[in-house]
PDB file of N, CA and C in Angstrom:
ATOM      1  N   UNK A   1       0.955  -1.071  -0.142  1.00  0.00           N
ATOM      2  CA  UNK A   1       0.139  -0.058  -0.093  1.00  0.00           C
ATOM      3  C   UNK A   1       0.886   1.294   0.003  1.00  0.00           C
ATOM      4  N   UNK A   2       0.681   1.963  -0.817  1.00  0.00           N
ATOM      5  CA  UNK A   2       1.398   3.280  -0.854  1.00  0.00           C
ATOM      6  C   UNK A   2       0.610   4.548  -0.246  1.00  0.00           C
ATOM      7  N   UNK A   3       1.731   4.997   0.544  1.00  0.00           N
ATOM      8  CA  UNK A   3       1.214   6.373   1.494  1.00  0.00           C
ATOM      9  C   UNK A   3       1.847   7.311   0.941  1.00  0.00           C
ATOM     10  N   UNK A   4       1.497   8.761   0.862  1.00  0.00           N
ATOM     11  CA  UNK A   4       0.180   9.183   1.607  1.00  0.00           C
ATOM     12  C   UNK A   4      -1.023   8.843   0.699  1.00  0.00           C
ATOM     13  N   UNK A   5      -2.264   8.589   1.271  1.00  0.00           N
ATOM     14  CA  UNK A   5      -3.610   8.481   0.372  1.00  0.00           C
ATOM     15  C   UNK A   5      -4.156  10.142   0.514  1.00  0.00           C
ATOM     16  N   UNK A   6      -4.541  10.377  -0.924  1.00  0.00           N
ATOM     17  CA  UNK A   6      -4.860  11.521  -1.185  1.00  0.00           C
ATOM     18  C   UNK A   6      -6.101  12.028  -0.486  1.00  0.00           C
ATOM     19  N   UNK A   7      -6.241  13.277  -0.153  1.00  0.00           N
ATOM     20  CA  UNK A   7      -7.404  13.954   0.335  1.00  0.00           C
ATOM     21  C   UNK A   7      -8.928  13.324  -0.538  1.00  0.00           C
ATOM     22  N   UNK A   8      -9.914  13.052   0.187  1.00  0.00           N
ATOM     23  CA  UNK A   8     -10.954  12.240  -0.362  1.00  0.00           C
ATOM     24  C   UNK A   8     -11.108  10.974  -0.598  1.00  0.00           C
ATOM     25  N   UNK A   9     -10.182  10.457  -0.235  1.00  0.00           N
ATOM     26  CA  UNK A   9     -10.090   8.779  -0.507  1.00  0.00           C
ATOM     27  C   UNK A   9     -10.666   8.487   0.445  1.00  0.00           C
ATOM     28  N   UNK A  10     -11.646   7.556   0.319  1.00  0.00           N
ATOM     29  CA  UNK A  10     -12.556   6.395   1.353  1.00  0.00           C
ATOM     30  C   UNK A  10     -11.557   5.663   1.773  1.00  0.00           C
ATOM     31  N   UNK A  11     -11.771   5.211   3.247  1.00  0.00           N
ATOM     32  CA  UNK A  11     -11.082   4.411   4.035  1.00  0.00           C
ATOM     33  C   UNK A  11     -11.729   3.710   5.286  1.00  0.00           C
ATOM     34  N   UNK A  12     -10.931   2.781   5.548  1.00  0.00           N
ATOM     35  CA  UNK A  12     -11.335   2.252   6.731  1.00  0.00           C
ATOM     36  C   UNK A  12     -10.018   1.809   7.696  1.00  0.00           C
ATOM     37  N   UNK A  13     -10.464   1.801   9.213  1.00  0.00           N
ATOM     38  CA  UNK A  13      -9.560   1.273   9.930  1.00  0.00           C
ATOM     39  C   UNK A  13      -8.986  -0.210   9.976  1.00  0.00           C
ATOM     40  N   UNK A  14      -7.713  -0.293  10.305  1.00  0.00           N
ATOM     41  CA  UNK A  14      -7.363  -1.791  10.183  1.00  0.00           C
ATOM     42  C   UNK A  14      -8.313  -2.797  11.520  1.00  0.00           C
ATOM     43  N   UNK A  15      -8.741  -2.158  12.421  1.00  0.00           N
ATOM     44  CA  UNK A  15      -9.867  -2.584  13.152  1.00  0.00           C
ATOM     45  C   UNK A  15     -11.194  -3.040  12.725  1.00  0.00           C
ATOM     46  N   UNK A  16     -11.494  -2.743  11.582  1.00  0.00           N
ATOM     47  CA  UNK A  16     -12.856  -2.911  11.194  1.00  0.00           C
ATOM     48  C   UNK A  16     -12.516  -3.845  10.042  1.00  0.00           C
ATOM     49  N   UNK A  17     -12.358  -5.192  10.258  1.00  0.00           N
ATOM     50  CA  UNK A  17     -12.311  -6.281   9.253  1.00  0.00           C
ATOM     51  C   UNK A  17     -13.864  -6.908   8.856  1.00  0.00           C
ATOM     52  N   UNK A  18     -14.808  -6.443   9.219  1.00  0.00           N
ATOM     53  CA  UNK A  18     -15.942  -6.927   9.074  1.00  0.00           C
ATOM     54  C   UNK A  18     -16.392  -6.429   7.429  1.00  0.00           C
ATOM     55  N   UNK A  19     -16.942  -7.223   6.746  1.00  0.00           N
ATOM     56  CA  UNK A  19     -17.298  -6.952   5.308  1.00  0.00           C
ATOM     57  C   UNK A  19     -18.059  -5.633   4.993  1.00  0.00           C
ATOM     58  N   UNK A  20     -18.820  -5.128   5.591  1.00  0.00           N
ATOM     59  CA  UNK A  20     -19.402  -3.754   5.438  1.00  0.00           C
ATOM     60  C   UNK A  20     -18.255  -2.882   5.395  1.00  0.00           C
ATOM     61  N   UNK A  21     -17.285  -2.674   5.842  1.00  0.00           N
ATOM     62  CA  UNK A  21     -16.209  -1.808   5.995  1.00  0.00           C
ATOM     63  C   UNK A  21     -15.330  -1.706   4.978  1.00  0.00           C
ATOM     64  N   UNK A  22     -15.662  -2.565   3.962  1.00  0.00           N
ATOM     65  CA  UNK A  22     -14.750  -2.897   2.885  1.00  0.00           C
ATOM     66  C   UNK A  22     -15.184  -1.284   1.925  1.00  0.00           C
ATOM     67  N   UNK A  23     -16.226  -0.742   2.173  1.00  0.00           N
ATOM     68  CA  UNK A  23     -16.480   0.280   1.192  1.00  0.00           C
ATOM     69  C   UNK A  23     -16.254   1.583   1.691  1.00  0.00           C
ATOM     70  N   UNK A  24     -15.558   1.451   3.074  1.00  0.00           N
ATOM     71  CA  UNK A  24     -15.185   2.869   3.563  1.00  0.00           C
ATOM     72  C   UNK A  24     -16.026   3.114   4.693  1.00  0.00           C
ATOM     73  N   UNK A  25     -15.448   3.688   5.753  1.00  0.00           N
ATOM     74  CA  UNK A  25     -16.114   4.162   7.074  1.00  0.00           C
ATOM     75  C   UNK A  25     -15.467   5.499   7.537  1.00  0.00           C
ATOM     76  N   UNK A  26     -14.825   5.918   6.435  1.00  0.00           N
ATOM     77  CA  UNK A  26     -14.272   7.226   6.714  1.00  0.00           C
ATOM     78  C   UNK A  26     -13.746   7.969   5.505  1.00  0.00           C
ATOM     79  N   UNK A  27     -13.427   9.197   5.426  1.00  0.00           N
ATOM     80  CA  UNK A  27     -12.781  10.137   4.379  1.00  0.00           C
ATOM     81  C   UNK A  27     -11.793  11.172   4.732  1.00  0.00           C
ATOM     82  N   UNK A  28     -10.716  10.673   3.838  1.00  0.00           N
ATOM     83  CA  UNK A  28      -9.323  11.363   4.234  1.00  0.00           C
ATOM     84  C   UNK A  28      -9.957  13.157   4.073  1.00  0.00           C
ATOM     85  N   UNK A  29      -9.588  13.728   5.042  1.00  0.00           N
ATOM     86  CA  UNK A  29      -9.547  15.083   4.965  1.00  0.00           C
ATOM     87  C   UNK A  29      -8.157  16.005   5.191  1.00  0.00           C
ATOM     88  N   UNK A  30      -7.426  15.446   5.437  1.00  0.00           N
ATOM     89  CA  UNK A  30      -6.082  16.179   5.860  1.00  0.00           C
ATOM     90  C   UNK A  30      -4.859  14.960   5.783  1.00  0.00           C
ATOM     91  N   UNK A  31      -3.676  15.284   5.432  1.00  0.00           N
ATOM     92  CA  UNK A  31      -2.419  14.501   5.421  1.00  0.00           C
ATOM     93  C   UNK A  31      -1.230  14.976   6.300  1.00  0.00           C
ATOM     94  N   UNK A  32      -0.659  14.538   7.114  1.00  0.00           N
ATOM     95  CA  UNK A  32       0.760  15.083   7.679  1.00  0.00           C
ATOM     96  C   UNK A  32       1.721  14.285   7.462  1.00  0.00           C
ATOM     97  N   UNK A  33       2.765  14.414   7.309  1.00  0.00           N
ATOM     98  CA  UNK A  33       4.030  13.464   7.299  1.00  0.00           C
ATOM     99  C   UNK A  33       4.821  13.624   5.811  1.00  0.00           C
ATOM    100  N   UNK A  34       5.864  12.954   5.962  1.00  0.00           N
ATOM    101  CA  UNK A  34       5.913  11.987   6.849  1.00  0.00           C
ATOM    102  C   UNK A  34       6.860  12.248   8.138  1.00  0.00           C
ATOM    103  N   UNK A  35       6.288  11.579   9.034  1.00  0.00           N
ATOM    104  CA  UNK A  35       6.675  11.669  10.554  1.00  0.00           C
ATOM    105  C   UNK A  35       8.032  11.045  10.697  1.00  0.00           C
ATOM    106  N   UNK A  36       8.570  11.096  11.543  1.00  0.00           N
ATOM    107  CA  UNK A  36      10.220  10.872  11.909  1.00  0.00           C
ATOM    108  C   UNK A  36      10.552   9.480  11.717  1.00  0.00           C
ATOM    109  N   UNK A  37       9.636   8.493  11.767  1.00  0.00           N
ATOM    110  CA  UNK A  37       9.238   7.107  11.454  1.00  0.00           C
ATOM    111  C   UNK A  37       8.918   6.718  10.074  1.00  0.00           C
ATOM    112  N   UNK A  38       8.605   7.737   9.305  1.00  0.00           N
ATOM    113  CA  UNK A  38       7.958   7.323   7.888  1.00  0.00           C
ATOM    114  C   UNK A  38       6.701   7.028   7.790  1.00  0.00           C
ATOM    115  N   UNK A  39       5.719   7.184   8.903  1.00  0.00           N
ATOM    116  CA  UNK A  39       4.523   7.131   8.845  1.00  0.00           C
ATOM    117  C   UNK A  39       3.790   8.293   8.519  1.00  0.00           C
ATOM    118  N   UNK A  40       2.801   8.343   7.995  1.00  0.00           N
ATOM    119  CA  UNK A  40       1.486   9.762   7.992  1.00  0.00           C
ATOM    120  C   UNK A  40       0.712   9.578   8.954  1.00  0.00           C
ATOM    121  N   UNK A  41      -0.024  10.636   9.365  1.00  0.00           N
ATOM    122  CA  UNK A  41      -1.405  10.938  10.006  1.00  0.00           C
ATOM    123  C   UNK A  41      -2.207  11.140   8.744  1.00  0.00           C
ATOM    124  N   UNK A  42      -3.462  10.634   9.192  1.00  0.00           N
ATOM    125  CA  UNK A  42      -4.472  11.299   8.195  1.00  0.00           C
ATOM    126  C   UNK A  42      -5.734  11.739   9.347  1.00  0.00           C
ATOM    127  N   UNK A  43      -6.434  12.952   8.811  1.00  0.00           N
ATOM    128  CA  UNK A  43      -7.212  13.346   9.453  1.00  0.00           C
ATOM    129  C   UNK A  43      -8.644  12.917   8.833  1.00  0.00           C
ATOM    130  N   UNK A  44      -9.348  12.249   9.455  1.00  0.00           N
ATOM    131  CA  UNK A  44     -10.467  11.950   8.698  1.00  0.00           C
ATOM    132  C   UNK A  44     -11.760  12.045   9.395  1.00  0.00           C
ATOM    133  N   UNK A  45     -12.835  12.094   8.604  1.00  0.00           N
ATOM    134  CA  UNK A  45     -14.302  12.051   8.982  1.00  0.00           C
ATOM    135  C   UNK A  45     -14.382  10.633   9.136  1.00  0.00           C
ATOM    136  N   UNK A  46     -15.201  10.033  10.336  1.00  0.00           N
ATOM    137  CA  UNK A  46     -15.242   8.512  10.425  1.00  0.00           C
ATOM    138  C   UNK A  46     -16.712   8.772  10.997  1.00  0.00           C
ATOM    139  N   UNK A  47     -17.198   7.571  11.350  1.00  0.00           N
ATOM    140  CA  UNK A  47     -18.647   7.362  11.540  1.00  0.00           C
ATOM    141  C   UNK A  47     -18.771   7.427  12.775  1.00  0.00           C
ATOM    142  N   UNK A  48     -19.979   7.893  13.245  1.00  0.00           N
ATOM    143  CA  UNK A  48     -20.171   8.132  14.945  1.00  0.00           C
ATOM    144  C   UNK A  48     -20.180   6.783  15.602  1.00  0.00           C
ATOM    145  N   UNK A  49     -20.396   5.925  15.039  1.00  0.00           N
ATOM    146  CA  UNK A  49     -20.402   4.321  15.570  1.00  0.00           C
ATOM    147  C   UNK A  49     -19.500   3.566  14.984  1.00  0.00           C
ATOM    148  N   UNK A  50     -18.208   3.224  15.386  1.00  0.00           N
ATOM    149  CA  UNK A  50     -17.182   2.732  14.935  1.00  0.00           C
ATOM    150  C   UNK A  50     -17.453   1.221  14.515  1.00  0.00           C
ATOM    151  N   UNK A  51     -18.264   0.628  14.952  1.00  0.00           N
ATOM    152  CA  UNK A  51     -18.820  -0.926  14.705  1.00  0.00           C
ATOM    153  C   UNK A  51     -19.809  -1.111  13.998  1.00  0.00           C
ATOM    154  N   UNK A  52     -20.160   0.183  12.951  1.00  0.00           N
ATOM    155  CA  UNK A  52     -21.217  -0.177  12.340  1.00  0.00           C
ATOM    156  C   UNK A  52     -20.946   0.584  10.928  1.00  0.00           C
ATOM    157  N   UNK A  53     -21.493   0.222   9.560  1.00  0.00           N
ATOM    158  CA  UNK A  53     -21.206   0.708   8.268  1.00  0.00           C
ATOM    159  C   UNK A  53     -21.882   2.360   8.230  1.00  0.00           C
ATOM    160  N   UNK A  54     -21.303   3.091   7.672  1.00  0.00           N
ATOM    161  CA  UNK A  54     -21.727   4.435   7.410  1.00  0.00           C
ATOM    162  C   UNK A  54     -22.956   4.424   6.482  1.00  0.00           C
ATOM    163  N   UNK A  55     -23.783   5.384   7.072  1.00  0.00           N
ATOM    164  CA  UNK A  55     -25.218   5.700   6.363  1.00  0.00           C
ATOM    165  C   UNK A  55     -25.686   6.995   7.178  1.00  0.00           C
ATOM    166  N   UNK A  56     -27.025   6.914   6.679  1.00  0.00           N
ATOM    167  CA  UNK A  56     -27.850   8.085   7.338  1.00  0.00           C
ATOM    168  C   UNK A  56     -28.301   7.866   8.455  1.00  0.00           C
ATOM    169  N   UNK A  57     -28.185   6.671   9.096  1.00  0.00           N
ATOM    170  CA  UNK A  57     -28.384   6.477  10.755  1.00  0.00           C
ATOM    171  C   UNK A  57     -26.926   6.411  11.628  1.00  0.00           C
ATOM    172  N   UNK A  58     -25.929   6.618  10.661  1.00  0.00           N
ATOM    173  CA  UNK A  58     -24.276   6.373  11.150  1.00  0.00           C
ATOM    174  C   UNK A  58     -23.456   7.394  10.365  1.00  0.00           C
ATOM    175  N   UNK A  59     -23.704   8.785  10.371  1.00  0.00           N
ATOM    176  CA  UNK A  59     -22.913   9.747   9.320  1.00  0.00           C
ATOM    177  C   UNK A  59     -21.499   9.609   9.907  1.00  0.00           C
ATOM    178  N   UNK A  60     -20.871  10.087   9.001  1.00  0.00           N
ATOM    179  CA  UNK A  60     -19.372  10.627   9.344  1.00  0.00           C
ATOM    180  C   UNK A  60     -18.974  11.931  10.022  1.00  0.00           C
ATOM    181  N   UNK A  61     -19.415  11.791  11.016  1.00  0.00           N
ATOM    182  CA  UNK A  61     -19.167  13.250  11.671  1.00  0.00           C
ATOM    183  C   UNK A  61     -18.080  13.474  12.739  1.00  0.00           C
ATOM    184  N   UNK A  62     -17.529  12.353  12.886  1.00  0.00           N
ATOM    185  CA  UNK A  62     -16.540  12.421  13.994  1.00  0.00           C
ATOM    186  C   UNK A  62     -15.097  12.560  13.254  1.00  0.00           C
ATOM    187  N   UNK A  63     -14.595  13.806  13.667  1.00  0.00           N
ATOM    188  CA  UNK A  63     -13.258  14.331  13.105  1.00  0.00           C
ATOM    189  C   UNK A  63     -12.359  13.926  14.273  1.00  0.00           C
ATOM    190  N   UNK A  64     -11.342  12.701  13.526  1.00  0.00           N
ATOM    191  CA  UNK A  64     -10.149  12.124  14.602  1.00  0.00           C
ATOM    192  C   UNK A  64      -8.987  11.971  13.203  1.00  0.00           C
ATOM    193  N   UNK A  65      -7.828  11.553  14.151  1.00  0.00           N
ATOM    194  CA  UNK A  65      -6.659  11.297  13.341  1.00  0.00           C
ATOM    195  C   UNK A  65      -6.674   9.692  13.309  1.00  0.00           C
ATOM    196  N   UNK A  66      -6.077   9.238  12.394  1.00  0.00           N
ATOM    197  CA  UNK A  66      -5.752   7.575  12.173  1.00  0.00           C
ATOM    198  C   UNK A  66      -4.343   7.915  11.444  1.00  0.00           C
ATOM    199  N   UNK A  67      -3.533   6.915  11.761  1.00  0.00           N
ATOM    200  CA  UNK A  67      -2.132   6.560  11.852  1.00  0.00           C
ATOM    201  C   UNK A  67      -2.053   5.878  10.285  1.00  0.00           C
ATOM    202  N   UNK A  68      -1.216   6.040   9.502  1.00  0.00           N
ATOM    203  CA  UNK A  68      -0.946   5.273   8.346  1.00  0.00           C
ATOM    204  C   UNK A  68      -0.679   3.828   8.555  1.00  0.00           C
ATOM    205  N   UNK A  69      -0.204   3.363   9.698  1.00  0.00           N
ATOM    206  CA  UNK A  69      -0.435   2.170   9.820  1.00  0.00           C
ATOM    207  C   UNK A  69      -1.615   1.390  10.265  1.00  0.00           C
ATOM    208  N   UNK A  70      -2.748   2.189  10.283  1.00  0.00           N
ATOM    209  CA  UNK A  70      -3.866   1.486  10.684  1.00  0.00           C
ATOM    210  C   UNK A  70      -5.016   1.963   9.407  1.00  0.00           C
ATOM    211  N   UNK A  71      -4.504   2.813   8.573  1.00  0.00           N
ATOM    212  CA  UNK A  71      -5.530   3.473   7.753  1.00  0.00           C
ATOM    213  C   UNK A  71      -5.414   2.221   6.530  1.00  0.00           C
ATOM    214  N   UNK A  72      -6.474   1.804   6.005  1.00  0.00           N
ATOM    215  CA  UNK A  72      -6.838   1.002   4.444  1.00  0.00           C
ATOM    216  C   UNK A  72      -7.619   1.389   3.529  1.00  0.00           C
ATOM    217  N   UNK A  73      -7.218   1.733   2.378  1.00  0.00           N
ATOM    218  CA  UNK A  73      -8.278   2.507   1.513  1.00  0.00           C
ATOM    219  C   UNK A  73      -9.535   1.332   1.385  1.00  0.00           C
ATOM    220  N   UNK A  74     -10.293   2.060   1.238  1.00  0.00           N
ATOM    221  CA  UNK A  74     -11.775   1.188   1.297  1.00  0.00           C
ATOM    222  C   UNK A  74     -11.745   0.302  -0.473  1.00  0.00           C
ATOM    223  N   UNK A  75     -12.234  -0.695  -0.481  1.00  0.00           N
ATOM    224  CA  UNK A  75     -12.091  -1.416  -1.817  1.00  0.00           C
ATOM    225  C   UNK A  75     -13.252  -1.334  -2.845  1.00  0.00           C
ATOM    226  N   UNK A  76     -14.136  -0.524  -2.327  1.00  0.00           N
ATOM    227  CA  UNK A  76     -15.286  -0.563  -3.054  1.00  0.00           C
ATOM    228  C   UNK A  76     -15.647   1.218  -3.089  1.00  0.00           C
ATOM    229  N   UNK A  77     -16.169   1.456  -4.074  1.00  0.00           N
ATOM    230  CA  UNK A  77     -16.611   2.951  -3.853  1.00  0.00           C
ATOM    231  C   UNK A  77     -18.148   2.935  -3.592  1.00  0.00           C
ATOM    232  N   UNK A  78     -18.785   4.063  -2.902  1.00  0.00           N
ATOM    233  CA  UNK A  78     -19.640   4.312  -2.350  1.00  0.00           C
ATOM    234  C   UNK A  78     -20.897   4.419  -3.665  1.00  0.00           C
TER     235      UNK A  78
END
């Protein structure tokens, strides 16, 4: 996997291995790095409930940072 991922990329967290996460549960809004260890930090808009797929009942309104070591590009588009 190549980093950095561009702003606007649909992503999921490595802790989200369930099939619904493959379409992504967050969107990259900002990229910082490379950091001293070669990793990047991604500011993402993530779902309210980390354990469920995104949608009208679980919007991506959580502003948070994910490390490139835990950020995986979504396999499908929405």
